[in-house]
Amino acid sequence: KLARMPGEDNQPARLDRQSSGGPAGKEDILGMRVAPMDRALRARLDVEGGAMVLGVDAGSPAERAGMQRGDVIVRCNGQAVRDPGQLGAAVAKTAPGSTVRLLVQREGGRAFVAFTR
């Protein structure tokens, strides 16, 4: 069962193919909508930080890689992801056409997901 989504209290970030590298919650990359997680949700999911996926756009690189609503992205290309801003910054450092590697927590387990930026 998925955790309660943080959309009501937090403004989700819309993520498509562009990244501004701006502040947390304002990133656009890879066809995902993500939101930061509050302390209670992080404790319940037993993660120190991350970006929770609220939705995945049809036909996007994220969908083709198997990303799902409720996934928590905890690492990107080996770097810790504490919030959507860090996720955007890490992806922005990846050259277009290069592989983006995410460590995702899903339903109590962790898995690596890789796709082309």
Protein backbone atom coordinates (compact mmCIF):
# COMPACT_ATOMS: atom_id res chain seq x y z
CA LYS A 1 0.00 0.00 0.00
CA LEU A 2 1.34 3.43 -0.96
CA ALA A 3 1.96 6.13 1.59
CA ARG A 4 -0.30 9.17 1.67
CA MET A 5 0.78 11.52 -1.10
CA PRO A 6 2.06 14.92 0.00
CA GLY A 7 0.25 16.95 -2.69
CA GLU A 8 -2.26 18.68 -0.40
CA ASP A 9 0.29 20.40 1.84
CA ASN A 10 3.23 20.70 -0.56
CA GLN A 11 3.29 22.21 -4.02
CA PRO A 12 4.45 19.43 -6.36
CA ALA A 13 7.17 20.09 -8.88
CA ARG A 14 6.43 19.29 -12.51
CA LEU A 15 9.33 17.42 -14.00
CA ASP A 16 9.88 17.16 -17.74
CA ARG A 17 13.01 17.35 -19.90
CA GLN A 18 14.34 20.71 -18.68
CA SER A 19 15.98 21.56 -15.39
CA SER A 20 16.63 24.98 -13.98
CA GLY A 21 18.70 23.75 -11.05
CA GLY A 22 16.58 26.10 -8.95
CA PRO A 23 15.22 25.81 -5.43
CA ALA A 24 13.56 22.71 -3.97
CA GLY A 25 10.19 21.91 -5.49
CA LYS A 26 10.78 23.88 -8.69
CA GLU A 27 12.52 21.40 -11.00
CA ASP A 28 11.49 20.23 -14.49
CA ILE A 29 13.05 16.91 -15.58
CA LEU A 30 12.29 13.49 -17.01
CA GLY A 31 8.48 13.47 -17.03
CA MET A 32 7.78 13.16 -13.29
CA ARG A 33 5.88 15.28 -10.79
CA VAL A 34 7.60 15.13 -7.40
CA ALA A 35 7.20 16.71 -3.99
CA PRO A 36 9.38 17.05 -0.91
CA MET A 37 8.50 14.89 2.08
CA ASP A 38 7.80 16.20 5.56
CA ARG A 39 9.52 14.78 8.64
CA ALA A 40 6.61 12.48 9.57
CA LEU A 41 6.45 10.89 6.11
CA ARG A 42 10.24 10.42 6.01
CA ALA A 43 10.08 8.70 9.41
CA ARG A 44 7.20 6.46 8.35
CA LEU A 45 9.02 5.41 5.17
CA ASP A 46 12.36 5.13 7.02
CA VAL A 47 14.25 7.47 4.68
CA GLU A 48 16.44 10.46 5.53
CA GLY A 49 15.23 12.45 2.54
CA GLY A 50 14.18 12.09 -1.04
CA ALA A 51 11.72 13.24 -3.65
CA MET A 52 8.35 11.47 -3.73
CA VAL A 53 6.91 10.79 -7.18
CA LEU A 54 3.33 12.07 -7.39
CA GLY A 55 2.83 11.18 -11.04
CA VAL A 56 4.58 10.08 -14.22
CA ASP A 57 3.76 11.46 -17.67
CA ALA A 58 2.73 8.99 -20.37
CA GLY A 59 5.50 8.39 -22.90
CA SER A 60 8.16 10.12 -20.79
CA PRO A 61 11.63 8.73 -20.07
CA ALA A 62 10.48 8.13 -16.48
CA GLU A 63 7.50 6.05 -17.61
CA ARG A 64 9.61 4.01 -20.03
CA ALA A 65 12.04 3.28 -17.17
CA GLY A 66 9.22 2.03 -14.94
CA MET A 67 8.93 4.89 -12.45
CA GLN A 68 5.66 4.78 -10.48
CA ARG A 69 3.51 7.04 -8.35
CA GLY A 70 4.64 6.65 -4.74
CA ASP A 71 8.29 5.91 -5.57
CA VAL A 72 10.77 7.80 -3.41
CA ILE A 73 13.96 8.83 -5.21
CA VAL A 74 16.78 8.68 -2.65
CA ARG A 75 19.88 8.83 -4.88
CA CYS A 76 20.67 10.14 -8.36
CA ASN A 77 23.90 9.15 -10.08
CA GLY A 78 25.38 8.19 -6.71
CA GLN A 79 24.45 11.46 -4.97
CA ALA A 80 21.99 11.62 -2.08
CA VAL A 81 18.66 13.26 -2.93
CA ARG A 82 17.17 15.11 0.03
CA ASP A 83 14.50 17.02 -1.92
CA PRO A 84 13.34 17.84 -5.48
CA GLY A 85 15.92 20.64 -5.74
CA GLN A 86 18.81 18.23 -5.24
CA LEU A 87 17.26 15.82 -7.72
CA GLY A 88 17.03 18.57 -10.33
CA ALA A 89 20.61 19.69 -9.70
CA ALA A 90 21.94 16.12 -10.02
CA VAL A 91 20.06 15.52 -13.28
CA ALA A 92 21.16 18.89 -14.66
CA LYS A 93 24.78 17.73 -14.29
CA THR A 94 24.03 14.76 -16.57
CA ALA A 95 24.63 15.51 -20.24
CA PRO A 96 21.66 15.09 -22.60
CA GLY A 97 21.73 11.57 -24.03
CA SER A 98 23.56 10.23 -20.96
CA THR A 99 22.21 7.68 -18.50
CA VAL A 100 20.53 8.86 -15.30
CA ARG A 101 20.69 6.26 -12.51
CA LEU A 102 18.22 6.54 -9.65
CA LEU A 103 18.00 4.57 -6.44
CA VAL A 104 14.29 4.31 -5.68
CA GLN A 105 12.50 3.10 -2.58
CA ARG A 106 9.29 1.31 -3.50
CA GLU A 107 6.97 -0.65 -1.20
CA GLY A 108 9.62 -1.25 1.47
CA GLY A 109 12.42 -2.26 -0.89
CA ARG A 110 14.98 -0.44 -2.99
CA ALA A 111 15.79 -0.78 -6.67
CA PHE A 112 17.96 0.95 -9.24
CA VAL A 113 16.25 2.53 -12.23
CA ALA A 114 18.24 3.81 -15.21
CA PHE A 115 17.16 5.78 -18.25
CA THR A 116 18.46 8.23 -20.82
CA ARG A 117 18.13 11.93 -20.18
